[in-house]
PDB file of N, CA and C in Angstrom:
ATOM      1  N   UNK A   1     -10.519 -11.858 -50.688  1.00  0.00           N
ATOM      2  CA  UNK A   1     -10.931 -11.558 -49.332  1.00  0.00           C
ATOM      3  C   UNK A   1     -10.459 -12.647 -48.371  1.00  0.00           C
ATOM      4  N   UNK A   2     -10.479 -13.892 -48.787  1.00  0.00           N
ATOM      5  CA  UNK A   2     -10.101 -14.981 -47.899  1.00  0.00           C
ATOM      6  C   UNK A   2      -8.618 -14.943 -47.549  1.00  0.00           C
ATOM      7  N   UNK A   3      -7.784 -14.362 -48.389  1.00  0.00           N
ATOM      8  CA  UNK A   3      -6.354 -14.329 -48.113  1.00  0.00           C
ATOM      9  C   UNK A   3      -6.028 -13.394 -46.937  1.00  0.00           C
ATOM     10  N   UNK A   4      -6.933 -12.460 -46.599  1.00  0.00           N
ATOM     11  CA  UNK A   4      -6.642 -11.492 -45.544  1.00  0.00           C
ATOM     12  C   UNK A   4      -6.998 -12.015 -44.154  1.00  0.00           C
ATOM     13  N   UNK A   5      -7.526 -13.234 -44.043  1.00  0.00           N
ATOM     14  CA  UNK A   5      -7.902 -13.782 -42.737  1.00  0.00           C
ATOM     15  C   UNK A   5      -7.080 -15.019 -42.425  1.00  0.00           C
ATOM     16  N   UNK A   6      -6.770 -15.184 -41.157  1.00  0.00           N
ATOM     17  CA  UNK A   6      -6.021 -16.338 -40.702  1.00  0.00           C
ATOM     18  C   UNK A   6      -6.905 -17.085 -39.716  1.00  0.00           C
ATOM     19  N   UNK A   7      -7.132 -18.361 -39.941  1.00  0.00           N
ATOM     20  CA  UNK A   7      -7.935 -19.183 -39.043  1.00  0.00           C
ATOM     21  C   UNK A   7      -7.025 -20.100 -38.251  1.00  0.00           C
ATOM     22  N   UNK A   8      -7.293 -20.198 -36.983  1.00  0.00           N
ATOM     23  CA  UNK A   8      -6.539 -21.109 -36.134  1.00  0.00           C
ATOM     24  C   UNK A   8      -7.525 -21.919 -35.312  1.00  0.00           C
ATOM     25  N   UNK A   9      -7.337 -23.207 -35.263  1.00  0.00           N
ATOM     26  CA  UNK A   9      -8.223 -24.053 -34.485  1.00  0.00           C
ATOM     27  C   UNK A   9      -7.727 -24.051 -33.045  1.00  0.00           C
ATOM     28  N   UNK A  10      -8.575 -23.523 -32.137  1.00  0.00           N
ATOM     29  CA  UNK A  10      -8.211 -23.439 -30.729  1.00  0.00           C
ATOM     30  C   UNK A  10      -8.533 -24.759 -30.039  1.00  0.00           C
ATOM     31  N   UNK A  11      -9.709 -25.279 -30.259  1.00  0.00           N
ATOM     32  CA  UNK A  11     -10.078 -26.595 -29.746  1.00  0.00           C
ATOM     33  C   UNK A  11     -10.971 -27.247 -30.791  1.00  0.00           C
ATOM     34  N   UNK A  12     -11.551 -28.366 -30.480  1.00  0.00           N
ATOM     35  CA  UNK A  12     -12.373 -29.081 -31.459  1.00  0.00           C
ATOM     36  C   UNK A  12     -13.609 -28.290 -31.857  1.00  0.00           C
ATOM     37  N   UNK A  13     -14.099 -27.420 -30.990  1.00  0.00           N
ATOM     38  CA  UNK A  13     -15.346 -26.698 -31.265  1.00  0.00           C
ATOM     39  C   UNK A  13     -15.138 -25.221 -31.554  1.00  0.00           C
ATOM     40  N   UNK A  14     -13.935 -24.705 -31.394  1.00  0.00           N
ATOM     41  CA  UNK A  14     -13.705 -23.277 -31.553  1.00  0.00           C
ATOM     42  C   UNK A  14     -12.721 -23.000 -32.674  1.00  0.00           C
ATOM     43  N   UNK A  15     -12.973 -21.925 -33.391  1.00  0.00           N
ATOM     44  CA  UNK A  15     -12.040 -21.440 -34.404  1.00  0.00           C
ATOM     45  C   UNK A  15     -11.791 -19.968 -34.107  1.00  0.00           C
ATOM     46  N   UNK A  16     -10.540 -19.598 -33.964  1.00  0.00           N
ATOM     47  CA  UNK A  16     -10.142 -18.233 -33.698  1.00  0.00           C
ATOM     48  C   UNK A  16      -9.784 -17.586 -35.026  1.00  0.00           C
ATOM     49  N   UNK A  17     -10.421 -16.475 -35.341  1.00  0.00           N
ATOM     50  CA  UNK A  17     -10.182 -15.785 -36.602  1.00  0.00           C
ATOM     51  C   UNK A  17      -9.467 -14.465 -36.312  1.00  0.00           C
ATOM     52  N   UNK A  18      -8.334 -14.251 -36.964  1.00  0.00           N
ATOM     53  CA  UNK A  18      -7.535 -13.052 -36.784  1.00  0.00           C
ATOM     54  C   UNK A  18      -7.408 -12.366 -38.133  1.00  0.00           C
ATOM     55  N   UNK A  19      -7.748 -11.083 -38.172  1.00  0.00           N
ATOM     56  CA  UNK A  19      -7.654 -10.335 -39.410  1.00  0.00           C
ATOM     57  C   UNK A  19      -6.231  -9.896 -39.705  1.00  0.00           C
ATOM     58  N   UNK A  20      -5.922  -9.737 -40.980  1.00  0.00           N
ATOM     59  CA  UNK A  20      -4.582  -9.301 -41.384  1.00  0.00           C
ATOM     60  C   UNK A  20      -4.323  -7.873 -40.931  1.00  0.00           C
ATOM     61  N   UNK A  21      -5.392  -7.063 -40.847  1.00  0.00           N
ATOM     62  CA  UNK A  21      -5.238  -5.681 -40.403  1.00  0.00           C
ATOM     63  C   UNK A  21      -4.737  -5.627 -38.955  1.00  0.00           C
ATOM     64  N   UNK A  22      -5.231  -6.535 -38.121  1.00  0.00           N
ATOM     65  CA  UNK A  22      -4.759  -6.609 -36.744  1.00  0.00           C
ATOM     66  C   UNK A  22      -3.271  -6.930 -36.702  1.00  0.00           C
ATOM     67  N   UNK A  23      -2.843  -7.848 -37.545  1.00  0.00           N
ATOM     68  CA  UNK A  23      -1.423  -8.199 -37.590  1.00  0.00           C
ATOM     69  C   UNK A  23      -0.564  -7.007 -38.019  1.00  0.00           C
ATOM     70  N   UNK A  24      -1.086  -6.193 -38.929  1.00  0.00           N
ATOM     71  CA  UNK A  24      -0.359  -4.991 -39.347  1.00  0.00           C
ATOM     72  C   UNK A  24      -0.224  -4.016 -38.188  1.00  0.00           C
ATOM     73  N   UNK A  25      -1.314  -3.832 -37.420  1.00  0.00           N
ATOM     74  CA  UNK A  25      -1.267  -2.940 -36.258  1.00  0.00           C
ATOM     75  C   UNK A  25      -0.285  -3.464 -35.209  1.00  0.00           C
ATOM     76  N   UNK A  26      -0.296  -4.771 -34.985  1.00  0.00           N
ATOM     77  CA  UNK A  26       0.628  -5.365 -34.019  1.00  0.00           C
ATOM     78  C   UNK A  26       2.084  -5.151 -34.444  1.00  0.00           C
ATOM     79  N   UNK A  27       2.344  -5.347 -35.726  1.00  0.00           N
ATOM     80  CA  UNK A  27       3.704  -5.167 -36.230  1.00  0.00           C
ATOM     81  C   UNK A  27       4.139  -3.714 -36.112  1.00  0.00           C
ATOM     82  N   UNK A  28       3.231  -2.773 -36.423  1.00  0.00           N
ATOM     83  CA  UNK A  28       3.569  -1.352 -36.310  1.00  0.00           C
ATOM     84  C   UNK A  28       3.849  -0.984 -34.852  1.00  0.00           C
ATOM     85  N   UNK A  29       3.026  -1.493 -33.913  1.00  0.00           N
ATOM     86  CA  UNK A  29       3.254  -1.220 -32.485  1.00  0.00           C
ATOM     87  C   UNK A  29       4.575  -1.822 -32.033  1.00  0.00           C
ATOM     88  N   UNK A  30       4.863  -3.032 -32.493  1.00  0.00           N
ATOM     89  CA  UNK A  30       6.124  -3.676 -32.135  1.00  0.00           C
ATOM     90  C   UNK A  30       7.318  -2.883 -32.665  1.00  0.00           C
ATOM     91  N   UNK A  31       7.211  -2.382 -33.892  1.00  0.00           N
ATOM     92  CA  UNK A  31       8.292  -1.582 -34.466  1.00  0.00           C
ATOM     93  C   UNK A  31       8.519  -0.298 -33.665  1.00  0.00           C
ATOM     94  N   UNK A  32       7.418   0.346 -33.251  1.00  0.00           N
ATOM     95  CA  UNK A  32       7.551   1.572 -32.460  1.00  0.00           C
ATOM     96  C   UNK A  32       8.182   1.286 -31.097  1.00  0.00           C
ATOM     97  N   UNK A  33       7.799   0.176 -30.474  1.00  0.00           N
ATOM     98  CA  UNK A  33       8.364  -0.159 -29.166  1.00  0.00           C
ATOM     99  C   UNK A  33       9.835  -0.532 -29.257  1.00  0.00           C
ATOM    100  N   UNK A  34      10.249  -1.136 -30.350  1.00  0.00           N
ATOM    101  CA  UNK A  34      11.634  -1.550 -30.513  1.00  0.00           C
ATOM    102  C   UNK A  34      12.537  -0.450 -31.050  1.00  0.00           C
ATOM    103  N   UNK A  35      11.974   0.699 -31.428  1.00  0.00           N
ATOM    104  CA  UNK A  35      12.804   1.807 -31.909  1.00  0.00           C
ATOM    105  C   UNK A  35      13.565   2.412 -30.728  1.00  0.00           C
ATOM    106  N   UNK A  36      14.511   3.275 -31.025  1.00  0.00           N
ATOM    107  CA  UNK A  36      15.312   3.914 -29.974  1.00  0.00           C
ATOM    108  C   UNK A  36      14.440   4.758 -29.051  1.00  0.00           C
ATOM    109  N   UNK A  37      13.528   5.506 -29.635  1.00  0.00           N
ATOM    110  CA  UNK A  37      12.618   6.342 -28.846  1.00  0.00           C
ATOM    111  C   UNK A  37      11.714   5.463 -27.969  1.00  0.00           C
ATOM    112  N   UNK A  38      11.233   4.372 -28.527  1.00  0.00           N
ATOM    113  CA  UNK A  38      10.379   3.450 -27.774  1.00  0.00           C
ATOM    114  C   UNK A  38      11.104   2.815 -26.608  1.00  0.00           C
ATOM    115  N   UNK A  39      12.358   2.484 -26.794  1.00  0.00           N
ATOM    116  CA  UNK A  39      13.163   1.897 -25.713  1.00  0.00           C
ATOM    117  C   UNK A  39      13.375   2.897 -24.583  1.00  0.00           C
ATOM    118  N   UNK A  40      13.582   4.177 -24.942  1.00  0.00           N
ATOM    119  CA  UNK A  40      13.729   5.207 -23.908  1.00  0.00           C
ATOM    120  C   UNK A  40      12.445   5.323 -23.084  1.00  0.00           C
ATOM    121  N   UNK A  41      11.302   5.352 -23.759  1.00  0.00           N
ATOM    122  CA  UNK A  41      10.023   5.446 -23.056  1.00  0.00           C
ATOM    123  C   UNK A  41       9.792   4.225 -22.166  1.00  0.00           C
ATOM    124  N   UNK A  42      10.089   3.054 -22.692  1.00  0.00           N
ATOM    125  CA  UNK A  42       9.875   1.828 -21.905  1.00  0.00           C
ATOM    126  C   UNK A  42      10.806   1.762 -20.708  1.00  0.00           C
ATOM    127  N   UNK A  43      12.005   2.305 -20.821  1.00  0.00           N
ATOM    128  CA  UNK A  43      12.929   2.261 -19.691  1.00  0.00           C
ATOM    129  C   UNK A  43      12.458   3.161 -18.559  1.00  0.00           C
ATOM    130  N   UNK A  44      11.705   4.208 -18.854  1.00  0.00           N
ATOM    131  CA  UNK A  44      11.205   5.112 -17.823  1.00  0.00           C
ATOM    132  C   UNK A  44       9.901   4.618 -17.205  1.00  0.00           C
ATOM    133  N   UNK A  45       9.159   3.831 -17.925  1.00  0.00           N
ATOM    134  CA  UNK A  45       7.806   3.463 -17.497  1.00  0.00           C
ATOM    135  C   UNK A  45       7.737   2.754 -16.147  1.00  0.00           C
ATOM    136  N   UNK A  46       8.503   1.702 -15.904  1.00  0.00           N
ATOM    137  CA  UNK A  46       8.342   1.017 -14.616  1.00  0.00           C
ATOM    138  C   UNK A  46       8.713   1.884 -13.420  1.00  0.00           C
ATOM    139  N   UNK A  47       9.586   2.841 -13.614  1.00  0.00           N
ATOM    140  CA  UNK A  47      10.032   3.664 -12.510  1.00  0.00           C
ATOM    141  C   UNK A  47       8.988   4.712 -12.165  1.00  0.00           C
ATOM    142  N   UNK A  48       8.322   5.252 -13.160  1.00  0.00           N
ATOM    143  CA  UNK A  48       7.440   6.385 -12.932  1.00  0.00           C
ATOM    144  C   UNK A  48       6.144   6.017 -12.219  1.00  0.00           C
ATOM    145  N   UNK A  49       5.453   5.017 -12.673  1.00  0.00           N
ATOM    146  CA  UNK A  49       4.083   4.803 -12.238  1.00  0.00           C
ATOM    147  C   UNK A  49       3.919   3.602 -11.324  1.00  0.00           C
ATOM    148  N   UNK A  50       4.568   2.540 -11.634  1.00  0.00           N
ATOM    149  CA  UNK A  50       4.262   1.277 -10.989  1.00  0.00           C
ATOM    150  C   UNK A  50       4.527   1.305  -9.488  1.00  0.00           C
ATOM    151  N   UNK A  51       5.504   2.045  -9.030  1.00  0.00           N
ATOM    152  CA  UNK A  51       5.783   2.107  -7.596  1.00  0.00           C
ATOM    153  C   UNK A  51       4.642   2.780  -6.838  1.00  0.00           C
ATOM    154  N   UNK A  52       4.058   3.791  -7.436  1.00  0.00           N
ATOM    155  CA  UNK A  52       2.952   4.494  -6.792  1.00  0.00           C
ATOM    156  C   UNK A  52       1.751   3.566  -6.640  1.00  0.00           C
ATOM    157  N   UNK A  53       1.375   2.886  -7.708  1.00  0.00           N
ATOM    158  CA  UNK A  53       0.232   1.980  -7.631  1.00  0.00           C
ATOM    159  C   UNK A  53       0.532   0.794  -6.720  1.00  0.00           C
ATOM    160  N   UNK A  54       1.767   0.338  -6.707  1.00  0.00           N
ATOM    161  CA  UNK A  54       2.145  -0.743  -5.812  1.00  0.00           C
ATOM    162  C   UNK A  54       2.003  -0.342  -4.355  1.00  0.00           C
ATOM    163  N   UNK A  55       2.429   0.870  -4.036  1.00  0.00           N
ATOM    164  CA  UNK A  55       2.292   1.356  -2.658  1.00  0.00           C
ATOM    165  C   UNK A  55       0.823   1.503  -2.284  1.00  0.00           C
ATOM    166  N   UNK A  56       0.032   2.069  -3.184  1.00  0.00           N
ATOM    167  CA  UNK A  56      -1.388   2.265  -2.879  1.00  0.00           C
ATOM    168  C   UNK A  56      -2.123   0.944  -2.737  1.00  0.00           C
ATOM    169  N   UNK A  57      -1.865   0.014  -3.626  1.00  0.00           N
ATOM    170  CA  UNK A  57      -2.617  -1.239  -3.618  1.00  0.00           C
ATOM    171  C   UNK A  57      -2.101  -2.235  -2.587  1.00  0.00           C
ATOM    172  N   UNK A  58      -0.802  -2.463  -2.573  1.00  0.00           N
ATOM    173  CA  UNK A  58      -0.261  -3.505  -1.710  1.00  0.00           C
ATOM    174  C   UNK A  58      -0.051  -3.020  -0.281  1.00  0.00           C
ATOM    175  N   UNK A  59       0.624  -1.892  -0.119  1.00  0.00           N
ATOM    176  CA  UNK A  59       0.967  -1.427   1.217  1.00  0.00           C
ATOM    177  C   UNK A  59      -0.209  -0.795   1.943  1.00  0.00           C
ATOM    178  N   UNK A  60      -1.007  -0.015   1.221  1.00  0.00           N
ATOM    179  CA  UNK A  60      -2.103   0.708   1.862  1.00  0.00           C
ATOM    180  C   UNK A  60      -3.441  -0.003   1.701  1.00  0.00           C
ATOM    181  N   UNK A  61      -3.509  -1.038   0.892  1.00  0.00           N
ATOM    182  CA  UNK A  61      -4.739  -1.813   0.739  1.00  0.00           C
ATOM    183  C   UNK A  61      -5.829  -1.116  -0.057  1.00  0.00           C
ATOM    184  N   UNK A  62      -5.459  -0.163  -0.906  1.00  0.00           N
ATOM    185  CA  UNK A  62      -6.463   0.561  -1.703  1.00  0.00           C
ATOM    186  C   UNK A  62      -6.800  -0.261  -2.940  1.00  0.00           C
ATOM    187  N   UNK A  63      -8.031  -0.709  -3.040  1.00  0.00           N
ATOM    188  CA  UNK A  63      -8.454  -1.526  -4.176  1.00  0.00           C
ATOM    189  C   UNK A  63      -9.522  -0.844  -5.033  1.00  0.00           C
ATOM    190  N   UNK A  64     -10.375  -0.040  -4.424  1.00  0.00           N
ATOM    191  CA  UNK A  64     -11.417   0.637  -5.205  1.00  0.00           C
ATOM    192  C   UNK A  64     -11.806   1.942  -4.541  1.00  0.00           C
ATOM    193  N   UNK A  65     -12.355   2.827  -5.344  1.00  0.00           N
ATOM    194  CA  UNK A  65     -12.788   4.110  -4.833  1.00  0.00           C
ATOM    195  C   UNK A  65     -14.074   3.939  -4.035  1.00  0.00           C
ATOM    196  N   UNK A  66     -14.209   4.717  -2.974  1.00  0.00           N
ATOM    197  CA  UNK A  66     -15.398   4.659  -2.128  1.00  0.00           C
ATOM    198  C   UNK A  66     -16.510   5.524  -2.721  1.00  0.00           C
ATOM    199  N   UNK A  67     -16.153   6.700  -3.188  1.00  0.00           N
ATOM    200  CA  UNK A  67     -17.131   7.659  -3.682  1.00  0.00           C
ATOM    201  C   UNK A  67     -17.449   7.416  -5.151  1.00  0.00           C
ATOM    202  N   UNK A  68     -18.595   7.896  -5.577  1.00  0.00           N
ATOM    203  CA  UNK A  68     -19.019   7.769  -6.971  1.00  0.00           C
ATOM    204  C   UNK A  68     -19.128   9.149  -7.605  1.00  0.00           C
ATOM    205  N   UNK A  69     -18.983   9.205  -8.899  1.00  0.00           N
ATOM    206  CA  UNK A  69     -19.053  10.463  -9.631  1.00  0.00           C
ATOM    207  C   UNK A  69     -17.659  10.983  -9.930  1.00  0.00           C
ATOM    208  N   UNK A  70     -17.524  11.645 -11.066  1.00  0.00           N
ATOM    209  CA  UNK A  70     -16.212  12.097 -11.521  1.00  0.00           C
ATOM    210  C   UNK A  70     -15.594  13.114 -10.567  1.00  0.00           C
ATOM    211  N   UNK A  71     -16.385  14.042 -10.072  1.00  0.00           N
ATOM    212  CA  UNK A  71     -15.852  15.066  -9.173  1.00  0.00           C
ATOM    213  C   UNK A  71     -15.405  14.439  -7.848  1.00  0.00           C
ATOM    214  N   UNK A  72     -16.211  13.546  -7.301  1.00  0.00           N
ATOM    215  CA  UNK A  72     -15.845  12.872  -6.057  1.00  0.00           C
ATOM    216  C   UNK A  72     -14.631  11.976  -6.248  1.00  0.00           C
ATOM    217  N   UNK A  73     -14.566  11.305  -7.394  1.00  0.00           N
ATOM    218  CA  UNK A  73     -13.426  10.455  -7.697  1.00  0.00           C
ATOM    219  C   UNK A  73     -12.149  11.279  -7.788  1.00  0.00           C
ATOM    220  N   UNK A  74     -12.244  12.441  -8.417  1.00  0.00           N
ATOM    221  CA  UNK A  74     -11.074  13.325  -8.521  1.00  0.00           C
ATOM    222  C   UNK A  74     -10.613  13.781  -7.142  1.00  0.00           C
ATOM    223  N   UNK A  75     -11.581  14.068  -6.266  1.00  0.00           N
ATOM    224  CA  UNK A  75     -11.238  14.481  -4.907  1.00  0.00           C
ATOM    225  C   UNK A  75     -10.549  13.350  -4.153  1.00  0.00           C
ATOM    226  N   UNK A  76     -11.108  12.148  -4.258  1.00  0.00           N
ATOM    227  CA  UNK A  76     -10.522  11.008  -3.563  1.00  0.00           C
ATOM    228  C   UNK A  76      -9.122  10.705  -4.087  1.00  0.00           C
ATOM    229  N   UNK A  77      -8.942  10.773  -5.405  1.00  0.00           N
ATOM    230  CA  UNK A  77      -7.612  10.531  -5.982  1.00  0.00           C
ATOM    231  C   UNK A  77      -6.634  11.613  -5.539  1.00  0.00           C
ATOM    232  N   UNK A  78      -7.103  12.852  -5.433  1.00  0.00           N
ATOM    233  CA  UNK A  78      -6.255  13.942  -4.957  1.00  0.00           C
ATOM    234  C   UNK A  78      -5.788  13.717  -3.530  1.00  0.00           C
ATOM    235  N   UNK A  79      -6.693  13.232  -2.674  1.00  0.00           N
ATOM    236  CA  UNK A  79      -6.327  12.943  -1.285  1.00  0.00           C
ATOM    237  C   UNK A  79      -5.286  11.824  -1.235  1.00  0.00           C
ATOM    238  N   UNK A  80      -5.481  10.784  -2.042  1.00  0.00           N
ATOM    239  CA  UNK A  80      -4.495   9.700  -2.101  1.00  0.00           C
ATOM    240  C   UNK A  80      -3.141  10.208  -2.590  1.00  0.00           C
ATOM    241  N   UNK A  81      -3.160  11.087  -3.573  1.00  0.00           N
ATOM    242  CA  UNK A  81      -1.910  11.635  -4.110  1.00  0.00           C
ATOM    243  C   UNK A  81      -1.179  12.465  -3.068  1.00  0.00           C
ATOM    244  N   UNK A  82      -1.930  13.282  -2.328  1.00  0.00           N
ATOM    245  CA  UNK A  82      -1.314  14.098  -1.275  1.00  0.00           C
ATOM    246  C   UNK A  82      -0.719  13.189  -0.202  1.00  0.00           C
ATOM    247  N   UNK A  83      -1.458  12.160   0.197  1.00  0.00           N
ATOM    248  CA  UNK A  83      -0.956  11.226   1.209  1.00  0.00           C
ATOM    249  C   UNK A  83       0.315  10.536   0.726  1.00  0.00           C
ATOM    250  N   UNK A  84       0.337  10.146  -0.543  1.00  0.00           N
ATOM    251  CA  UNK A  84       1.533   9.500  -1.104  1.00  0.00           C
ATOM    252  C   UNK A  84       2.719  10.461  -1.078  1.00  0.00           C
ATOM    253  N   UNK A  85       2.492  11.711  -1.465  1.00  0.00           N
ATOM    254  CA  UNK A  85       3.589  12.690  -1.488  1.00  0.00           C
ATOM    255  C   UNK A  85       4.092  12.999  -0.084  1.00  0.00           C
ATOM    256  N   UNK A  86       3.185  13.070   0.895  1.00  0.00           N
ATOM    257  CA  UNK A  86       3.603  13.294   2.279  1.00  0.00           C
ATOM    258  C   UNK A  86       4.456  12.123   2.761  1.00  0.00           C
ATOM    259  N   UNK A  87       4.041  10.902   2.418  1.00  0.00           N
ATOM    260  CA  UNK A  87       4.813   9.724   2.812  1.00  0.00           C
ATOM    261  C   UNK A  87       6.205   9.749   2.177  1.00  0.00           C
ATOM    262  N   UNK A  88       6.303  10.194   0.918  1.00  0.00           N
ATOM    263  CA  UNK A  88       7.611  10.292   0.260  1.00  0.00           C
ATOM    264  C   UNK A  88       8.502  11.317   0.948  1.00  0.00           C
ATOM    265  N   UNK A  89       7.931  12.465   1.294  1.00  0.00           N
ATOM    266  CA  UNK A  89       8.713  13.512   1.963  1.00  0.00           C
ATOM    267  C   UNK A  89       9.196  13.019   3.324  1.00  0.00           C
ATOM    268  N   UNK A  90       8.296  12.354   4.080  1.00  0.00           N
ATOM    269  CA  UNK A  90       8.684  11.823   5.391  1.00  0.00           C
ATOM    270  C   UNK A  90       9.793  10.791   5.253  1.00  0.00           C
ATOM    271  N   UNK A  91       9.720   9.975   4.226  1.00  0.00           N
ATOM    272  CA  UNK A  91      10.757   8.978   3.990  1.00  0.00           C
ATOM    273  C   UNK A  91      12.097   9.648   3.684  1.00  0.00           C
ATOM    274  N   UNK A  92      12.067  10.705   2.886  1.00  0.00           N
ATOM    275  CA  UNK A  92      13.306  11.432   2.559  1.00  0.00           C
ATOM    276  C   UNK A  92      13.889  12.087   3.808  1.00  0.00           C
ATOM    277  N   UNK A  93      13.024  12.674   4.637  1.00  0.00           N
ATOM    278  CA  UNK A  93      13.500  13.315   5.868  1.00  0.00           C
ATOM    279  C   UNK A  93      14.101  12.277   6.803  1.00  0.00           C
ATOM    280  N   UNK A  94      13.427  11.135   6.953  1.00  0.00           N
ATOM    281  CA  UNK A  94      13.945  10.080   7.829  1.00  0.00           C
ATOM    282  C   UNK A  94      15.290   9.566   7.326  1.00  0.00           C
ATOM    283  N   UNK A  95      15.432   9.421   6.021  1.00  0.00           N
ATOM    284  CA  UNK A  95      16.705   8.973   5.448  1.00  0.00           C
ATOM    285  C   UNK A  95      17.803   9.995   5.710  1.00  0.00           C
ATOM    286  N   UNK A  96      17.478  11.273   5.546  1.00  0.00           N
ATOM    287  CA  UNK A  96      18.447  12.334   5.803  1.00  0.00           C
ATOM    288  C   UNK A  96      18.885  12.312   7.264  1.00  0.00           C
ATOM    289  N   UNK A  97      17.921  12.190   8.190  1.00  0.00           N
ATOM    290  CA  UNK A  97      18.253  12.159   9.616  1.00  0.00           C
ATOM    291  C   UNK A  97      19.133  10.949   9.934  1.00  0.00           C
ATOM    292  N   UNK A  98      18.781   9.823   9.368  1.00  0.00           N
ATOM    293  CA  UNK A  98      19.572   8.611   9.595  1.00  0.00           C
ATOM    294  C   UNK A  98      21.008   8.792   9.110  1.00  0.00           C
ATOM    295  N   UNK A  99      21.169   9.297   7.902  1.00  0.00           N
ATOM    296  CA  UNK A  99      22.515   9.509   7.362  1.00  0.00           C
ATOM    297  C   UNK A  99      23.283  10.551   8.161  1.00  0.00           C
ATOM    298  N   UNK A 100      22.579  11.582   8.621  1.00  0.00           N
ATOM    299  CA  UNK A 100      23.233  12.632   9.406  1.00  0.00           C
ATOM    300  C   UNK A 100      23.810  12.060  10.693  1.00  0.00           C
ATOM    301  N   UNK A 101      23.011  11.298  11.441  1.00  0.00           N
ATOM    302  CA  UNK A 101      23.492  10.764  12.705  1.00  0.00           C
ATOM    303  C   UNK A 101      24.516   9.653  12.500  1.00  0.00           C
ATOM    304  N   UNK A 102      24.390   8.886  11.432  1.00  0.00           N
ATOM    305  CA  UNK A 102      25.404   7.867  11.140  1.00  0.00           C
ATOM    306  C   UNK A 102      26.740   8.520  10.816  1.00  0.00           C
ATOM    307  N   UNK A 103      26.696   9.650  10.106  1.00  0.00           N
ATOM    308  CA  UNK A 103      27.943  10.337   9.767  1.00  0.00           C
ATOM    309  C   UNK A 103      28.607  10.931  11.006  1.00  0.00           C
ATOM    310  N   UNK A 104      27.826  11.223  12.042  1.00  0.00           N
ATOM    311  CA  UNK A 104      28.379  11.757  13.297  1.00  0.00           C
ATOM    312  C   UNK A 104      28.885  10.647  14.211  1.00  0.00           C
ATOM    313  N   UNK A 105      28.684   9.383  13.796  1.00  0.00           N
ATOM    314  CA  UNK A 105      29.187   8.259  14.572  1.00  0.00           C
ATOM    315  C   UNK A 105      28.245   7.802  15.670  1.00  0.00           C
ATOM    316  N   UNK A 106      26.989   8.145  15.586  1.00  0.00           N
ATOM    317  CA  UNK A 106      26.027   7.756  16.618  1.00  0.00           C
ATOM    318  C   UNK A 106      25.752   6.260  16.532  1.00  0.00           C
ATOM    319  N   UNK A 107      25.718   5.621  17.685  1.00  0.00           N
ATOM    320  CA  UNK A 107      25.409   4.197  17.734  1.00  0.00           C
ATOM    321  C   UNK A 107      23.905   3.963  17.593  1.00  0.00           C
ATOM    322  N   UNK A 108      23.130   4.835  18.194  1.00  0.00           N
ATOM    323  CA  UNK A 108      21.672   4.740  18.065  1.00  0.00           C
ATOM    324  C   UNK A 108      21.130   6.130  17.796  1.00  0.00           C
ATOM    325  N   UNK A 109      19.954   6.191  17.271  1.00  0.00           N
ATOM    326  CA  UNK A 109      19.368   7.480  16.924  1.00  0.00           C
ATOM    327  C   UNK A 109      18.511   7.992  18.078  1.00  0.00           C
ATOM    328  N   UNK A 110      18.748   9.221  18.505  1.00  0.00           N
ATOM    329  CA  UNK A 110      17.956   9.791  19.599  1.00  0.00           C
ATOM    330  C   UNK A 110      16.606  10.301  19.070  1.00  0.00           C
ATOM    331  N   UNK A 111      15.679   9.386  18.825  1.00  0.00           N
ATOM    332  CA  UNK A 111      14.413   9.787  18.216  1.00  0.00           C
ATOM    333  C   UNK A 111      13.624  10.751  19.094  1.00  0.00           C
ATOM    334  N   UNK A 112      13.634  10.523  20.382  1.00  0.00           N
ATOM    335  CA  UNK A 112      12.859  11.425  21.245  1.00  0.00           C
ATOM    336  C   UNK A 112      13.478  12.806  21.266  1.00  0.00           C
ATOM    337  N   UNK A 113      14.795  12.887  21.215  1.00  0.00           N
ATOM    338  CA  UNK A 113      15.449  14.190  21.166  1.00  0.00           C
ATOM    339  C   UNK A 113      15.060  14.930  19.893  1.00  0.00           C
ATOM    340  N   UNK A 114      15.037  14.220  18.795  1.00  0.00           N
ATOM    341  CA  UNK A 114      14.642  14.836  17.527  1.00  0.00           C
ATOM    342  C   UNK A 114      13.200  15.330  17.617  1.00  0.00           C
ATOM    343  N   UNK A 115      12.325  14.510  18.195  1.00  0.00           N
ATOM    344  CA  UNK A 115      10.913  14.875  18.297  1.00  0.00           C
ATOM    345  C   UNK A 115      10.739  16.155  19.109  1.00  0.00           C
ATOM    346  N   UNK A 116      11.438  16.257  20.240  1.00  0.00           N
ATOM    347  CA  UNK A 116      11.264  17.422  21.080  1.00  0.00           C
ATOM    348  C   UNK A 116      11.924  18.659  20.489  1.00  0.00           C
ATOM    349  N   UNK A 117      12.996  18.481  19.735  1.00  0.00           N
ATOM    350  CA  UNK A 117      13.619  19.623  19.074  1.00  0.00           C
ATOM    351  C   UNK A 117      12.685  20.178  17.999  1.00  0.00           C
ATOM    352  N   UNK A 118      12.029  19.302  17.252  1.00  0.00           N
ATOM    353  CA  UNK A 118      11.119  19.747  16.200  1.00  0.00           C
ATOM    354  C   UNK A 118       9.909  20.450  16.806  1.00  0.00           C
ATOM    355  N   UNK A 119       9.462  20.009  17.970  1.00  0.00           N
ATOM    356  CA  UNK A 119       8.271  20.594  18.591  1.00  0.00           C
ATOM    357  C   UNK A 119       8.525  21.977  19.163  1.00  0.00           C
ATOM    358  N   UNK A 120       9.774  22.310  19.500  1.00  0.00           N
ATOM    359  CA  UNK A 120      10.066  23.609  20.148  1.00  0.00           C
ATOM    360  C   UNK A 120       9.958  24.760  19.206  1.00  0.00           C
TER     361      UNK A 120
END
């Protein structure tokens, strides 16, 4: 039984005990992450999620939910998701408009003209 445990002295008063089973789980997780399939998943991960949370937390200042309860939390998260998607669409439209007018050789963008054309 003693062979399956590893003791490490952290400081003079503390001893950190790590089980061999934990090391096996760590090695298995490491093997899965280093496999070809694991590398594909890891390459997609930072692109998919982290930008959304970064925008919500850093740019919009969202740190915690206001409402309590699972149903209210789902509603609040849904509103945040819709707001994020609207912001993405607006960004794509603005980029398209910018590229369109740049391709026409415009020195400046006629924002008010665009606004009034959209309103008509």
